[in-house]
Amino acid sequence: MPAYVHINLRVIDPTKQAALAPRFQVALQEAGGRILHFGRVAQVLEGDEAPLPMAGVFEFPTLAQALAFYNSERYAPIKAERREAQQARMFVVETG
């Protein structure tokens, strides 16, 4: 069953963000994932807590592949840099 990683973020260091984005995309593709969406939050539909201004959805063939990517040695340095470049909330859901 496919799994979808959702991220809601604010870029806090544009230079670091620009440097890590291409490496993230390559690592994601190598792990079997793909970007379904990444862009600005258009409008809040429900909820009291305001979202961060950017959002993305990444698809993986399975939950196991999504978790393996997130916890991988390949992604670890990118994740550390991402945490310096962004304020983010992230979660994964599995269909089915």
Protein backbone atom coordinates (compact mmCIF):
# COMPACT_ATOMS: atom_id res chain seq x y z
CA MET A 1 0.00 0.00 0.00
CA PRO A 2 1.33 3.46 -0.80
CA ALA A 3 2.45 5.77 1.99
CA TYR A 4 2.47 9.55 1.89
CA VAL A 5 4.86 11.78 3.83
CA HIS A 6 3.37 15.20 4.50
CA ILE A 7 5.52 18.17 5.42
CA ASN A 8 4.49 21.66 6.45
CA LEU A 9 7.39 24.06 6.69
CA ARG A 10 8.84 27.54 6.85
CA VAL A 11 12.23 28.21 5.28
CA ILE A 12 14.45 29.91 7.85
CA ASP A 13 17.72 29.80 5.86
CA PRO A 14 17.12 30.18 2.10
CA THR A 15 20.79 29.54 1.22
CA LYS A 16 20.88 26.22 3.06
CA GLN A 17 17.45 25.31 1.69
CA ALA A 18 18.59 25.93 -1.89
CA ALA A 19 21.70 23.81 -1.37
CA LEU A 20 19.92 20.81 0.10
CA ALA A 21 16.84 20.68 -2.17
CA PRO A 22 18.53 18.97 -5.16
CA ARG A 23 20.26 16.42 -2.89
CA PHE A 24 16.98 15.68 -1.16
CA GLN A 25 15.25 15.10 -4.50
CA VAL A 26 17.92 12.66 -5.67
CA ALA A 27 17.92 10.75 -2.36
CA LEU A 28 14.11 10.60 -2.40
CA GLN A 29 14.03 9.17 -5.93
CA GLU A 30 16.78 6.64 -5.15
CA ALA A 31 14.68 5.43 -2.21
CA GLY A 32 11.64 4.88 -4.44
CA GLY A 33 9.84 8.07 -3.44
CA ARG A 34 8.50 10.90 -5.54
CA ILE A 35 7.25 14.42 -4.96
CA LEU A 36 3.51 14.73 -5.54
CA HIS A 37 3.28 18.35 -4.45
CA PHE A 38 5.45 21.08 -3.02
CA GLY A 39 4.38 24.69 -2.81
CA ARG A 40 2.71 27.45 -0.85
CA VAL A 41 -0.28 26.80 1.39
CA ALA A 42 -3.12 28.47 -0.51
CA GLN A 43 -5.75 28.76 2.22
CA VAL A 44 -6.58 27.35 5.66
CA LEU A 45 -9.84 25.42 5.50
CA GLU A 46 -10.17 24.31 9.13
CA GLY A 47 -8.38 24.52 12.45
CA ASP A 48 -7.18 27.09 14.92
CA GLU A 49 -3.45 26.58 14.44
CA ALA A 50 -2.08 28.43 11.44
CA PRO A 51 -0.03 26.25 9.10
CA LEU A 52 3.51 27.09 8.12
CA PRO A 53 3.61 28.74 4.68
CA MET A 54 4.88 25.80 2.56
CA ALA A 55 3.62 22.22 2.22
CA GLY A 56 4.64 19.08 0.42
CA VAL A 57 3.52 15.50 -0.13
CA PHE A 58 5.94 12.71 -1.02
CA GLU A 59 4.73 9.28 -2.14
CA PHE A 60 6.43 5.95 -1.43
CA PRO A 61 5.30 2.50 -2.60
CA THR A 62 5.05 1.29 1.01
CA LEU A 63 5.18 2.57 4.58
CA ALA A 64 8.30 0.47 5.14
CA GLN A 65 10.08 2.27 2.28
CA ALA A 66 9.04 5.69 3.61
CA LEU A 67 10.34 4.86 7.09
CA ALA A 68 13.51 3.27 5.71
CA PHE A 69 14.23 6.45 3.76
CA TYR A 70 13.55 8.72 6.74
CA ASN A 71 15.83 6.64 8.98
CA SER A 72 18.52 5.93 6.37
CA GLU A 73 22.20 6.84 6.51
CA ARG A 74 21.76 8.42 3.06
CA TYR A 75 19.11 10.84 4.33
CA ALA A 76 20.67 11.54 7.78
CA PRO A 77 23.01 14.39 6.72
CA ILE A 78 20.29 15.91 4.52
CA LYS A 79 17.85 15.70 7.43
CA ALA A 80 20.33 17.48 9.72
CA GLU A 81 20.81 20.27 7.17
CA ARG A 82 17.05 20.46 6.58
CA ARG A 83 16.53 21.07 10.29
CA GLU A 84 18.91 24.05 10.06
CA ALA A 85 17.19 25.39 6.93
CA GLN A 86 13.55 24.84 7.89
CA GLN A 87 11.08 24.87 10.71
CA ALA A 88 8.92 21.85 9.87
CA ARG A 89 6.15 19.48 10.90
CA MET A 90 6.21 16.07 9.21
CA PHE A 91 4.10 12.91 9.36
CA VAL A 92 3.44 9.81 7.27
CA VAL A 93 0.14 8.09 6.42
CA GLU A 94 -0.52 4.72 4.82
CA THR A 95 -3.43 4.08 2.47
CA GLY A 96 -5.62 1.06 2.77
